[in-house]
Amino acid sequence: MINTRNKLRFRDEKHLDVYNYEFERVGEFKYLGSLITENSDNNTDIKARIIGGNRSYYSVLPLLRSKAVSRTTKIRMYKTITRPVVLYGS
């Protein structure tokens, strides 16, 4: 990530040269589970975490609705499957 006072200079560049390496400029990327954006906006990362939590919740929803699974098992499934997806890296 480039933090500089003259951000206008870097806005038009398509790549970044560091020593002998050339890196493509992107608007956002995922690093260690967190979404890093060009303007350091946390809202995008929070929305991505909520979407991931919804996906994990709806993937186990048939099990959570099942009467064959006990309530304590359902709570344990929520704590081990859904909650870590949302809270990872926070």
PDB file of N, CA and C in Angstrom:
ATOM      1  N   MET A   1       0.847  -1.159   0.000  1.00  0.00           N
ATOM      2  CA  MET A   1       0.000   0.000   0.000  1.00  0.00           C
ATOM      3  C   MET A   1       0.897   1.227   0.000  1.00  0.00           C
ATOM      4  N   ILE A   2       0.534   2.192  -0.774  1.00  0.00           N
ATOM      5  CA  ILE A   2       1.309   3.420  -0.874  1.00  0.00           C
ATOM      6  C   ILE A   2       0.590   4.500  -0.088  1.00  0.00           C
ATOM      7  N   ASN A   3       1.262   5.030   0.886  1.00  0.00           N
ATOM      8  CA  ASN A   3       0.728   6.164   1.630  1.00  0.00           C
ATOM      9  C   ASN A   3       1.625   7.347   1.356  1.00  0.00           C
ATOM     10  N   THR A   4       1.100   8.325   0.702  1.00  0.00           N
ATOM     11  CA  THR A   4       1.874   9.497   0.361  1.00  0.00           C
ATOM     12  C   THR A   4       0.977  10.717   0.395  1.00  0.00           C
ATOM     13  N   ARG A   5       1.571  11.844   0.484  1.00  0.00           N
ATOM     14  CA  ARG A   5       0.794  13.085   0.500  1.00  0.00           C
ATOM     15  C   ARG A   5       0.342  13.471  -0.898  1.00  0.00           C
ATOM     16  N   ASN A   6       1.076  13.019  -1.896  1.00  0.00           N
ATOM     17  CA  ASN A   6       0.746  13.341  -3.284  1.00  0.00           C
ATOM     18  C   ASN A   6       0.072  12.134  -3.922  1.00  0.00           C
ATOM     19  N   LYS A   7      -1.175  11.851  -3.550  1.00  0.00           N
ATOM     20  CA  LYS A   7      -1.883  10.673  -4.056  1.00  0.00           C
ATOM     21  C   LYS A   7      -2.296  10.818  -5.514  1.00  0.00           C
ATOM     22  N   LEU A   8      -2.412  12.023  -6.007  1.00  0.00           N
ATOM     23  CA  LEU A   8      -2.817  12.218  -7.396  1.00  0.00           C
ATOM     24  C   LEU A   8      -1.770  11.667  -8.360  1.00  0.00           C
ATOM     25  N   ARG A   9      -0.534  11.690  -7.963  1.00  0.00           N
ATOM     26  CA  ARG A   9       0.533  11.206  -8.825  1.00  0.00           C
ATOM     27  C   ARG A   9       0.405   9.706  -9.089  1.00  0.00           C
ATOM     28  N   PHE A  10      -0.073   8.932  -8.106  1.00  0.00           N
ATOM     29  CA  PHE A  10      -0.164   7.487  -8.235  1.00  0.00           C
ATOM     30  C   PHE A  10      -1.491   7.020  -8.810  1.00  0.00           C
ATOM     31  N   ARG A  11      -2.467   7.861  -8.913  1.00  0.00           N
ATOM     32  CA  ARG A  11      -3.799   7.467  -9.361  1.00  0.00           C
ATOM     33  C   ARG A  11      -3.810   6.978 -10.809  1.00  0.00           C
ATOM     34  N   ASP A  12      -2.997   7.559 -11.672  1.00  0.00           N
ATOM     35  CA  ASP A  12      -3.020   7.218 -13.090  1.00  0.00           C
ATOM     36  C   ASP A  12      -2.066   6.073 -13.453  1.00  0.00           C
ATOM     37  N   GLU A  13      -1.208   5.654 -12.554  1.00  0.00           N
ATOM     38  CA  GLU A  13      -0.245   4.609 -12.865  1.00  0.00           C
ATOM     39  C   GLU A  13      -0.908   3.236 -12.842  1.00  0.00           C
ATOM     40  N   LYS A  14      -0.526   2.367 -13.771  1.00  0.00           N
ATOM     41  CA  LYS A  14      -1.093   1.023 -13.882  1.00  0.00           C
ATOM     42  C   LYS A  14      -0.292  -0.005 -13.091  1.00  0.00           C
ATOM     43  N   HIS A  15       0.944   0.307 -12.723  1.00  0.00           N
ATOM     44  CA  HIS A  15       1.762  -0.627 -11.972  1.00  0.00           C
ATOM     45  C   HIS A  15       2.699   0.136 -11.040  1.00  0.00           C
ATOM     46  N   LEU A  16       3.318  -0.600 -10.149  1.00  0.00           N
ATOM     47  CA  LEU A  16       4.225  -0.028  -9.159  1.00  0.00           C
ATOM     48  C   LEU A  16       5.562  -0.745  -9.281  1.00  0.00           C
ATOM     49  N   ASP A  17       6.650  -0.001  -9.407  1.00  0.00           N
ATOM     50  CA  ASP A  17       7.983  -0.578  -9.499  1.00  0.00           C
ATOM     51  C   ASP A  17       8.673  -0.458  -8.149  1.00  0.00           C
ATOM     52  N   VAL A  18       9.084  -1.612  -7.608  1.00  0.00           N
ATOM     53  CA  VAL A  18       9.851  -1.654  -6.366  1.00  0.00           C
ATOM     54  C   VAL A  18      11.104  -2.455  -6.654  1.00  0.00           C
ATOM     55  N   TYR A  19      12.252  -1.797  -6.619  1.00  0.00           N
ATOM     56  CA  TYR A  19      13.525  -2.389  -7.015  1.00  0.00           C
ATOM     57  C   TYR A  19      13.377  -2.982  -8.402  1.00  0.00           C
ATOM     58  N   ASN A  20      13.560  -4.278  -8.568  1.00  0.00           N
ATOM     59  CA  ASN A  20      13.453  -4.897  -9.896  1.00  0.00           C
ATOM     60  C   ASN A  20      12.114  -5.573 -10.117  1.00  0.00           C
ATOM     61  N   TYR A  21      11.170  -5.370  -9.228  1.00  0.00           N
ATOM     62  CA  TYR A  21       9.874  -6.033  -9.316  1.00  0.00           C
ATOM     63  C   TYR A  21       8.801  -5.039  -9.754  1.00  0.00           C
ATOM     64  N   GLU A  22       7.871  -5.539 -10.538  1.00  0.00           N
ATOM     65  CA  GLU A  22       6.758  -4.720 -11.016  1.00  0.00           C
ATOM     66  C   GLU A  22       5.455  -5.328 -10.498  1.00  0.00           C
ATOM     67  N   PHE A  23       4.652  -4.511  -9.821  1.00  0.00           N
ATOM     68  CA  PHE A  23       3.395  -4.959  -9.250  1.00  0.00           C
ATOM     69  C   PHE A  23       2.236  -4.266  -9.941  1.00  0.00           C
ATOM     70  N   GLU A  24       1.194  -5.044 -10.224  1.00  0.00           N
ATOM     71  CA  GLU A  24      -0.009  -4.494 -10.843  1.00  0.00           C
ATOM     72  C   GLU A  24      -0.797  -3.703  -9.804  1.00  0.00           C
ATOM     73  N   ARG A  25      -1.318  -2.575 -10.195  1.00  0.00           N
ATOM     74  CA  ARG A  25      -2.120  -1.753  -9.303  1.00  0.00           C
ATOM     75  C   ARG A  25      -3.558  -2.261  -9.324  1.00  0.00           C
ATOM     76  N   VAL A  26      -4.116  -2.520  -8.154  1.00  0.00           N
ATOM     77  CA  VAL A  26      -5.486  -2.999  -8.026  1.00  0.00           C
ATOM     78  C   VAL A  26      -6.227  -2.106  -7.048  1.00  0.00           C
ATOM     79  N   GLY A  27      -7.530  -2.101  -7.162  1.00  0.00           N
ATOM     80  CA  GLY A  27      -8.354  -1.284  -6.275  1.00  0.00           C
ATOM     81  C   GLY A  27      -8.569  -1.912  -4.916  1.00  0.00           C
ATOM     82  N   GLU A  28      -8.577  -3.257  -4.877  1.00  0.00           N
ATOM     83  CA  GLU A  28      -8.748  -3.961  -3.609  1.00  0.00           C
ATOM     84  C   GLU A  28      -8.165  -5.358  -3.720  1.00  0.00           C
ATOM     85  N   PHE A  29      -7.729  -5.897  -2.579  1.00  0.00           N
ATOM     86  CA  PHE A  29      -7.213  -7.259  -2.536  1.00  0.00           C
ATOM     87  C   PHE A  29      -7.430  -7.825  -1.144  1.00  0.00           C
ATOM     88  N   LYS A  30      -7.389  -9.140  -1.059  1.00  0.00           N
ATOM     89  CA  LYS A  30      -7.596  -9.830   0.207  1.00  0.00           C
ATOM     90  C   LYS A  30      -6.246 -10.214   0.784  1.00  0.00           C
ATOM     91  N   TYR A  31      -5.993  -9.832   2.032  1.00  0.00           N
ATOM     92  CA  TYR A  31      -4.738 -10.140   2.714  1.00  0.00           C
ATOM     93  C   TYR A  31      -5.053 -10.669   4.097  1.00  0.00           C
ATOM     94  N   LEU A  32      -4.666 -11.915   4.368  1.00  0.00           N
ATOM     95  CA  LEU A  32      -4.912 -12.572   5.650  1.00  0.00           C
ATOM     96  C   LEU A  32      -6.379 -12.509   6.053  1.00  0.00           C
ATOM     97  N   GLY A  33      -7.261 -12.692   5.086  1.00  0.00           N
ATOM     98  CA  GLY A  33      -8.693 -12.729   5.364  1.00  0.00           C
ATOM     99  C   GLY A  33      -9.369 -11.383   5.402  1.00  0.00           C
ATOM    100  N   SER A  34      -8.626 -10.294   5.333  1.00  0.00           N
ATOM    101  CA  SER A  34      -9.211  -8.955   5.355  1.00  0.00           C
ATOM    102  C   SER A  34      -9.145  -8.341   3.975  1.00  0.00           C
ATOM    103  N   LEU A  35     -10.175  -7.626   3.614  1.00  0.00           N
ATOM    104  CA  LEU A  35     -10.227  -6.959   2.324  1.00  0.00           C
ATOM    105  C   LEU A  35      -9.596  -5.582   2.462  1.00  0.00           C
ATOM    106  N   ILE A  36      -8.502  -5.352   1.756  1.00  0.00           N
ATOM    107  CA  ILE A  36      -7.782  -4.079   1.781  1.00  0.00           C
ATOM    108  C   ILE A  36      -8.178  -3.302   0.533  1.00  0.00           C
ATOM    109  N   THR A  37      -8.676  -2.082   0.727  1.00  0.00           N
ATOM    110  CA  THR A  37      -9.089  -1.265  -0.407  1.00  0.00           C
ATOM    111  C   THR A  37      -8.118  -0.120  -0.625  1.00  0.00           C
ATOM    112  N   GLU A  38      -8.240   0.493  -1.768  1.00  0.00           N
ATOM    113  CA  GLU A  38      -7.353   1.577  -2.170  1.00  0.00           C
ATOM    114  C   GLU A  38      -7.436   2.770  -1.215  1.00  0.00           C
ATOM    115  N   ASN A  39      -8.640   3.047  -0.712  1.00  0.00           N
ATOM    116  CA  ASN A  39      -8.814   4.205   0.164  1.00  0.00           C
ATOM    117  C   ASN A  39      -8.980   3.805   1.633  1.00  0.00           C
ATOM    118  N   SER A  40      -8.564   2.583   1.993  1.00  0.00           N
ATOM    119  CA  SER A  40      -8.619   2.072   3.370  1.00  0.00           C
ATOM    120  C   SER A  40     -10.025   2.130   3.954  1.00  0.00           C
ATOM    121  N   ASP A  41     -11.002   1.716   3.167  1.00  0.00           N
ATOM    122  CA  ASP A  41     -12.401   1.730   3.579  1.00  0.00           C
ATOM    123  C   ASP A  41     -12.745   0.406   4.265  1.00  0.00           C
ATOM    124  N   ASN A  42     -13.198   0.461   5.522  1.00  0.00           N
ATOM    125  CA  ASN A  42     -13.540  -0.748   6.266  1.00  0.00           C
ATOM    126  C   ASN A  42     -14.924  -1.277   5.920  1.00  0.00           C
ATOM    127  N   ASN A  43     -15.789  -0.451   5.370  1.00  0.00           N
ATOM    128  CA  ASN A  43     -17.161  -0.881   5.062  1.00  0.00           C
ATOM    129  C   ASN A  43     -17.176  -2.050   4.090  1.00  0.00           C
ATOM    130  N   THR A  44     -16.290  -2.053   3.120  1.00  0.00           N
ATOM    131  CA  THR A  44     -16.233  -3.132   2.138  1.00  0.00           C
ATOM    132  C   THR A  44     -15.833  -4.437   2.821  1.00  0.00           C
ATOM    133  N   ASP A  45     -14.873  -4.367   3.740  1.00  0.00           N
ATOM    134  CA  ASP A  45     -14.435  -5.558   4.460  1.00  0.00           C
ATOM    135  C   ASP A  45     -15.551  -6.085   5.357  1.00  0.00           C
ATOM    136  N   ILE A  46     -16.264  -5.212   6.022  1.00  0.00           N
ATOM    137  CA  ILE A  46     -17.363  -5.629   6.900  1.00  0.00           C
ATOM    138  C   ILE A  46     -18.474  -6.285   6.091  1.00  0.00           C
ATOM    139  N   LYS A  47     -18.809  -5.703   4.946  1.00  0.00           N
ATOM    140  CA  LYS A  47     -19.841  -6.290   4.089  1.00  0.00           C
ATOM    141  C   LYS A  47     -19.421  -7.670   3.590  1.00  0.00           C
ATOM    142  N   ALA A  48     -18.144  -7.829   3.233  1.00  0.00           N
ATOM    143  CA  ALA A  48     -17.651  -9.134   2.763  1.00  0.00           C
ATOM    144  C   ALA A  48     -17.719 -10.168   3.884  1.00  0.00           C
ATOM    145  N   ARG A  49     -17.433  -9.769   5.110  1.00  0.00           N
ATOM    146  CA  ARG A  49     -17.517 -10.697   6.245  1.00  0.00           C
ATOM    147  C   ARG A  49     -18.961 -11.112   6.507  1.00  0.00           C
ATOM    148  N   ILE A  50     -19.883 -10.159   6.427  1.00  0.00           N
ATOM    149  CA  ILE A  50     -21.297 -10.476   6.638  1.00  0.00           C
ATOM    150  C   ILE A  50     -21.796 -11.421   5.554  1.00  0.00           C
ATOM    151  N   ILE A  51     -21.399 -11.191   4.315  1.00  0.00           N
ATOM    152  CA  ILE A  51     -21.788 -12.080   3.221  1.00  0.00           C
ATOM    153  C   ILE A  51     -21.223 -13.480   3.446  1.00  0.00           C
ATOM    154  N   GLY A  52     -19.971 -13.574   3.884  1.00  0.00           N
ATOM    155  CA  GLY A  52     -19.376 -14.880   4.178  1.00  0.00           C
ATOM    156  C   GLY A  52     -20.089 -15.585   5.321  1.00  0.00           C
ATOM    157  N   GLY A  53     -20.475 -14.823   6.351  1.00  0.00           N
ATOM    158  CA  GLY A  53     -21.229 -15.403   7.456  1.00  0.00           C
ATOM    159  C   GLY A  53     -22.588 -15.903   7.015  1.00  0.00           C
ATOM    160  N   ASN A  54     -23.262 -15.138   6.152  1.00  0.00           N
ATOM    161  CA  ASN A  54     -24.549 -15.578   5.617  1.00  0.00           C
ATOM    162  C   ASN A  54     -24.403 -16.858   4.796  1.00  0.00           C
ATOM    163  N   ARG A  55     -23.346 -16.938   4.001  1.00  0.00           N
ATOM    164  CA  ARG A  55     -23.129 -18.147   3.201  1.00  0.00           C
ATOM    165  C   ARG A  55     -22.903 -19.365   4.089  1.00  0.00           C
ATOM    166  N   SER A  56     -22.096 -19.199   5.130  1.00  0.00           N
ATOM    167  CA  SER A  56     -21.843 -20.344   6.006  1.00  0.00           C
ATOM    168  C   SER A  56     -23.094 -20.715   6.797  1.00  0.00           C
ATOM    169  N   TYR A  57     -23.873 -19.726   7.214  1.00  0.00           N
ATOM    170  CA  TYR A  57     -25.101 -20.000   7.954  1.00  0.00           C
ATOM    171  C   TYR A  57     -26.108 -20.757   7.082  1.00  0.00           C
ATOM    172  N   TYR A  58     -26.314 -20.259   5.865  1.00  0.00           N
ATOM    173  CA  TYR A  58     -27.294 -20.905   4.994  1.00  0.00           C
ATOM    174  C   TYR A  58     -26.823 -22.270   4.487  1.00  0.00           C
ATOM    175  N   SER A  59     -25.525 -22.522   4.524  1.00  0.00           N
ATOM    176  CA  SER A  59     -25.050 -23.848   4.124  1.00  0.00           C
ATOM    177  C   SER A  59     -25.362 -24.910   5.181  1.00  0.00           C
ATOM    178  N   VAL A  60     -25.429 -24.510   6.458  1.00  0.00           N
ATOM    179  CA  VAL A  60     -25.754 -25.463   7.534  1.00  0.00           C
ATOM    180  C   VAL A  60     -27.201 -25.325   8.004  1.00  0.00           C
ATOM    181  N   LEU A  61     -27.977 -24.494   7.373  1.00  0.00           N
ATOM    182  CA  LEU A  61     -29.360 -24.265   7.788  1.00  0.00           C
ATOM    183  C   LEU A  61     -30.206 -25.528   7.812  1.00  0.00           C
ATOM    184  N   PRO A  62     -30.088 -26.435   6.843  1.00  0.00           N
ATOM    185  CA  PRO A  62     -30.882 -27.675   6.946  1.00  0.00           C
ATOM    186  C   PRO A  62     -30.570 -28.470   8.216  1.00  0.00           C
ATOM    187  N   LEU A  63     -29.321 -28.468   8.639  1.00  0.00           N
ATOM    188  CA  LEU A  63     -28.964 -29.155   9.880  1.00  0.00           C
ATOM    189  C   LEU A  63     -29.502 -28.420  11.102  1.00  0.00           C
ATOM    190  N   LEU A  64     -29.488 -27.092  11.041  1.00  0.00           N
ATOM    191  CA  LEU A  64     -29.989 -26.308  12.172  1.00  0.00           C
ATOM    192  C   LEU A  64     -31.506 -26.436  12.315  1.00  0.00           C
ATOM    193  N   ARG A  65     -32.202 -26.692  11.224  1.00  0.00           N
ATOM    194  CA  ARG A  65     -33.657 -26.858  11.271  1.00  0.00           C
ATOM    195  C   ARG A  65     -34.078 -28.296  11.595  1.00  0.00           C
ATOM    196  N   SER A  66     -33.141 -29.207  11.529  1.00  0.00           N
ATOM    197  CA  SER A  66     -33.454 -30.616  11.741  1.00  0.00           C
ATOM    198  C   SER A  66     -33.827 -30.878  13.197  1.00  0.00           C
ATOM    199  N   LYS A  67     -34.852 -31.681  13.386  1.00  0.00           N
ATOM    200  CA  LYS A  67     -35.261 -32.053  14.740  1.00  0.00           C
ATOM    201  C   LYS A  67     -34.443 -33.220  15.265  1.00  0.00           C
ATOM    202  N   ALA A  68     -33.660 -33.857  14.396  1.00  0.00           N
ATOM    203  CA  ALA A  68     -32.828 -34.983  14.810  1.00  0.00           C
ATOM    204  C   ALA A  68     -31.544 -34.519  15.511  1.00  0.00           C
ATOM    205  N   VAL A  69     -31.195 -33.236  15.340  1.00  0.00           N
ATOM    206  CA  VAL A  69     -29.984 -32.686  15.941  1.00  0.00           C
ATOM    207  C   VAL A  69     -30.375 -31.939  17.213  1.00  0.00           C
ATOM    208  N   SER A  70     -29.644 -32.200  18.301  1.00  0.00           N
ATOM    209  CA  SER A  70     -29.988 -31.568  19.579  1.00  0.00           C
ATOM    210  C   SER A  70     -29.639 -30.077  19.573  1.00  0.00           C
ATOM    211  N   ARG A  71     -30.243 -29.360  20.498  1.00  0.00           N
ATOM    212  CA  ARG A  71     -30.030 -27.914  20.599  1.00  0.00           C
ATOM    213  C   ARG A  71     -28.576 -27.586  20.920  1.00  0.00           C
ATOM    214  N   THR A  72     -27.948 -28.349  21.812  1.00  0.00           N
ATOM    215  CA  THR A  72     -26.543 -28.085  22.155  1.00  0.00           C
ATOM    216  C   THR A  72     -25.627 -28.323  20.957  1.00  0.00           C
ATOM    217  N   THR A  73     -25.934 -29.306  20.134  1.00  0.00           N
ATOM    218  CA  THR A  73     -25.144 -29.549  18.925  1.00  0.00           C
ATOM    219  C   THR A  73     -25.317 -28.413  17.930  1.00  0.00           C
ATOM    220  N   LYS A  74     -26.523 -27.884  17.816  1.00  0.00           N
ATOM    221  CA  LYS A  74     -26.771 -26.759  16.915  1.00  0.00           C
ATOM    222  C   LYS A  74     -26.007 -25.523  17.373  1.00  0.00           C
ATOM    223  N   ILE A  75     -25.978 -25.268  18.673  1.00  0.00           N
ATOM    224  CA  ILE A  75     -25.229 -24.120  19.198  1.00  0.00           C
ATOM    225  C   ILE A  75     -23.737 -24.315  18.958  1.00  0.00           C
ATOM    226  N   ARG A  76     -23.251 -25.527  19.163  1.00  0.00           N
ATOM    227  CA  ARG A  76     -21.840 -25.821  18.920  1.00  0.00           C
ATOM    228  C   ARG A  76     -21.498 -25.648  17.446  1.00  0.00           C
ATOM    229  N   MET A  77     -22.394 -26.059  16.547  1.00  0.00           N
ATOM    230  CA  MET A  77     -22.165 -25.876  15.107  1.00  0.00           C
ATOM    231  C   MET A  77     -22.093 -24.397  14.755  1.00  0.00           C
ATOM    232  N   TYR A  78     -22.980 -23.596  15.332  1.00  0.00           N
ATOM    233  CA  TYR A  78     -22.962 -22.153  15.074  1.00  0.00           C
ATOM    234  C   TYR A  78     -21.645 -21.550  15.548  1.00  0.00           C
ATOM    235  N   LYS A  79     -21.214 -21.926  16.753  1.00  0.00           N
ATOM    236  CA  LYS A  79     -19.991 -21.353  17.321  1.00  0.00           C
ATOM    237  C   LYS A  79     -18.734 -21.783  16.581  1.00  0.00           C
ATOM    238  N   THR A  80     -18.744 -22.963  15.979  1.00  0.00           N
ATOM    239  CA  THR A  80     -17.543 -23.450  15.305  1.00  0.00           C
ATOM    240  C   THR A  80     -17.538 -23.239  13.805  1.00  0.00           C
ATOM    241  N   ILE A  81     -18.694 -23.013  13.200  1.00  0.00           N
ATOM    242  CA  ILE A  81     -18.751 -22.875  11.742  1.00  0.00           C
ATOM    243  C   ILE A  81     -19.054 -21.441  11.316  1.00  0.00           C
ATOM    244  N   THR A  82     -20.127 -20.869  11.818  1.00  0.00           N
ATOM    245  CA  THR A  82     -20.590 -19.573  11.318  1.00  0.00           C
ATOM    246  C   THR A  82     -19.857 -18.396  11.958  1.00  0.00           C
ATOM    247  N   ARG A  83     -19.775 -18.370  13.262  1.00  0.00           N
ATOM    248  CA  ARG A  83     -19.196 -17.220  13.960  1.00  0.00           C
ATOM    249  C   ARG A  83     -17.742 -16.954  13.589  1.00  0.00           C
ATOM    250  N   PRO A  84     -16.875 -17.965  13.466  1.00  0.00           N
ATOM    251  CA  PRO A  84     -15.481 -17.671  13.086  1.00  0.00           C
ATOM    252  C   PRO A  84     -15.323 -17.045  11.703  1.00  0.00           C
ATOM    253  N   VAL A  85     -16.229 -17.342  10.790  1.00  0.00           N
ATOM    254  CA  VAL A  85     -16.153 -16.746   9.448  1.00  0.00           C
ATOM    255  C   VAL A  85     -16.328 -15.235   9.545  1.00  0.00           C
ATOM    256  N   VAL A  86     -17.243 -14.799  10.383  1.00  0.00           N
ATOM    257  CA  VAL A  86     -17.505 -13.367  10.516  1.00  0.00           C
ATOM    258  C   VAL A  86     -16.416 -12.677  11.344  1.00  0.00           C
ATOM    259  N   LEU A  87     -15.923 -13.327  12.364  1.00  0.00           N
ATOM    260  CA  LEU A  87     -15.017 -12.684  13.301  1.00  0.00           C
ATOM    261  C   LEU A  87     -13.525 -12.886  12.997  1.00  0.00           C
ATOM    262  N   TYR A  88     -13.193 -13.656  11.979  1.00  0.00           N
ATOM    263  CA  TYR A  88     -11.781 -13.921  11.683  1.00  0.00           C
ATOM    264  C   TYR A  88     -11.020 -12.629  11.429  1.00  0.00           C
ATOM    265  N   GLY A  89      -9.951 -12.422  12.145  1.00  0.00           N
ATOM    266  CA  GLY A  89      -9.095 -11.265  11.923  1.00  0.00           C
ATOM    267  C   GLY A  89      -9.599  -9.974  12.495  1.00  0.00           C
ATOM    268  N   SER A  90     -10.697  -9.998  13.235  1.00  0.00           N
ATOM    269  CA  SER A  90     -11.199  -8.742  13.790  1.00  0.00           C
ATOM    270  C   SER A  90     -10.607  -8.473  15.150  1.00  0.00           C
TER     271      SER A  90
END
